[in-house]
């Protein structure tokens, strides 16, 4: 396969991934998140799924959700909280 054909196919795959991730996947995750929070008697307005504006490929989603743990005991660093320096 020539380089041009390979690049064209890779671009087609990239476009298909972007379309799926930013379309059906984002929508399905949003609905699932809202349903899960409702089932847990939590406010569904405190969570959302959105496109990652820092991903130049448009193939990443950000999942925002309420914490149930103390921020100091989280295994995942909350958004907006700077990383602790390594010791």
Protein backbone atom coordinates (compact mmCIF):
# COMPACT_ATOMS: atom_id res chain seq x y z
CA UNK A 1 0.00 0.00 0.00
CA UNK A 2 1.36 3.41 -0.91
CA UNK A 3 1.99 6.11 1.66
CA UNK A 4 -0.84 8.24 0.23
CA UNK A 5 -3.34 5.38 0.45
CA UNK A 6 -2.23 4.51 3.97
CA UNK A 7 -2.56 8.15 5.10
CA UNK A 8 -5.99 8.43 3.48
CA UNK A 9 -7.17 5.31 5.30
CA UNK A 10 -5.75 6.52 8.61
CA UNK A 11 -7.51 9.87 8.17
CA UNK A 12 -10.78 8.04 7.42
CA UNK A 13 -10.36 5.95 10.59
CA UNK A 14 -9.56 9.09 12.61
CA UNK A 15 -12.67 10.86 11.27
CA UNK A 16 -14.87 7.84 12.02
CA UNK A 17 -13.52 7.66 15.58
CA UNK A 18 -14.09 11.38 16.13
CA UNK A 19 -17.63 11.11 14.81
CA UNK A 20 -18.46 8.16 17.10
CA UNK A 21 -16.75 9.53 20.22
CA UNK A 22 -18.21 13.04 19.93
CA UNK A 23 -21.62 11.74 18.85
CA UNK A 24 -23.17 8.47 20.02
CA UNK A 25 -20.56 7.68 22.67
CA UNK A 26 -20.80 11.11 24.31
CA UNK A 27 -24.61 10.92 24.25
CA UNK A 28 -24.75 7.38 25.67
CA UNK A 29 -22.27 8.17 28.44
CA UNK A 30 -24.20 11.32 29.34
CA UNK A 31 -27.47 9.40 29.63
CA UNK A 32 -25.84 6.59 31.62
CA UNK A 33 -24.23 9.08 34.00
CA UNK A 34 -27.51 10.90 34.60
CA UNK A 35 -29.42 7.63 35.13
CA UNK A 36 -26.78 6.35 37.55
CA UNK A 37 -26.82 9.52 39.62
CA UNK A 38 -30.61 9.54 39.69
CA UNK A 39 -30.63 5.90 40.86
CA UNK A 40 -28.17 6.83 43.62
CA UNK A 41 -30.40 9.76 44.70
CA UNK A 42 -27.66 12.21 43.73
CA UNK A 43 -28.11 15.48 41.88
CA UNK A 44 -27.54 14.68 38.17
CA UNK A 45 -26.74 18.34 37.49
CA UNK A 46 -23.43 17.92 39.33
CA UNK A 47 -22.00 15.71 36.58
CA UNK A 48 -21.44 15.91 32.85
CA UNK A 49 -19.55 14.42 29.92
CA UNK A 50 -17.90 16.79 27.48
CA UNK A 51 -15.33 16.96 24.72
CA UNK A 52 -11.77 17.52 25.89
CA UNK A 53 -10.83 20.90 24.39
CA UNK A 54 -7.13 20.11 24.83
CA UNK A 55 -7.25 17.02 22.58
CA UNK A 56 -6.25 18.12 19.07
CA UNK A 57 -7.50 14.81 17.65
CA UNK A 58 -10.99 15.26 19.09
CA UNK A 59 -11.03 11.72 20.41
CA UNK A 60 -11.16 12.33 24.18
CA UNK A 61 -14.02 12.97 26.56
CA UNK A 62 -13.91 14.46 30.04
CA UNK A 63 -16.14 12.95 32.70
CA UNK A 64 -17.07 15.34 35.51
CA UNK A 65 -18.74 13.75 38.52
CA UNK A 66 -19.29 14.52 42.22
CA UNK A 67 -16.84 13.17 44.74
CA UNK A 68 -17.88 10.85 47.55
CA UNK A 69 -14.46 10.75 49.22
CA UNK A 70 -12.31 13.26 50.99
CA UNK A 71 -10.11 14.97 48.36
CA UNK A 72 -7.00 13.93 50.27
CA UNK A 73 -7.93 10.25 50.03
CA UNK A 74 -8.88 10.11 46.34
CA UNK A 75 -7.12 7.70 44.02
CA UNK A 76 -7.87 10.04 41.11
CA UNK A 77 -6.83 13.68 41.30
CA UNK A 78 -9.88 15.93 40.97
CA UNK A 79 -9.95 18.41 38.12
CA UNK A 80 -8.50 21.77 38.99
CA UNK A 81 -6.34 20.41 41.82
CA UNK A 82 -2.62 20.72 41.10
CA UNK A 83 -0.44 17.65 41.24
CA UNK A 84 1.58 17.13 44.37
CA UNK A 85 5.34 17.32 43.79
CA UNK A 86 7.13 13.99 43.92
CA UNK A 87 9.32 13.44 46.93
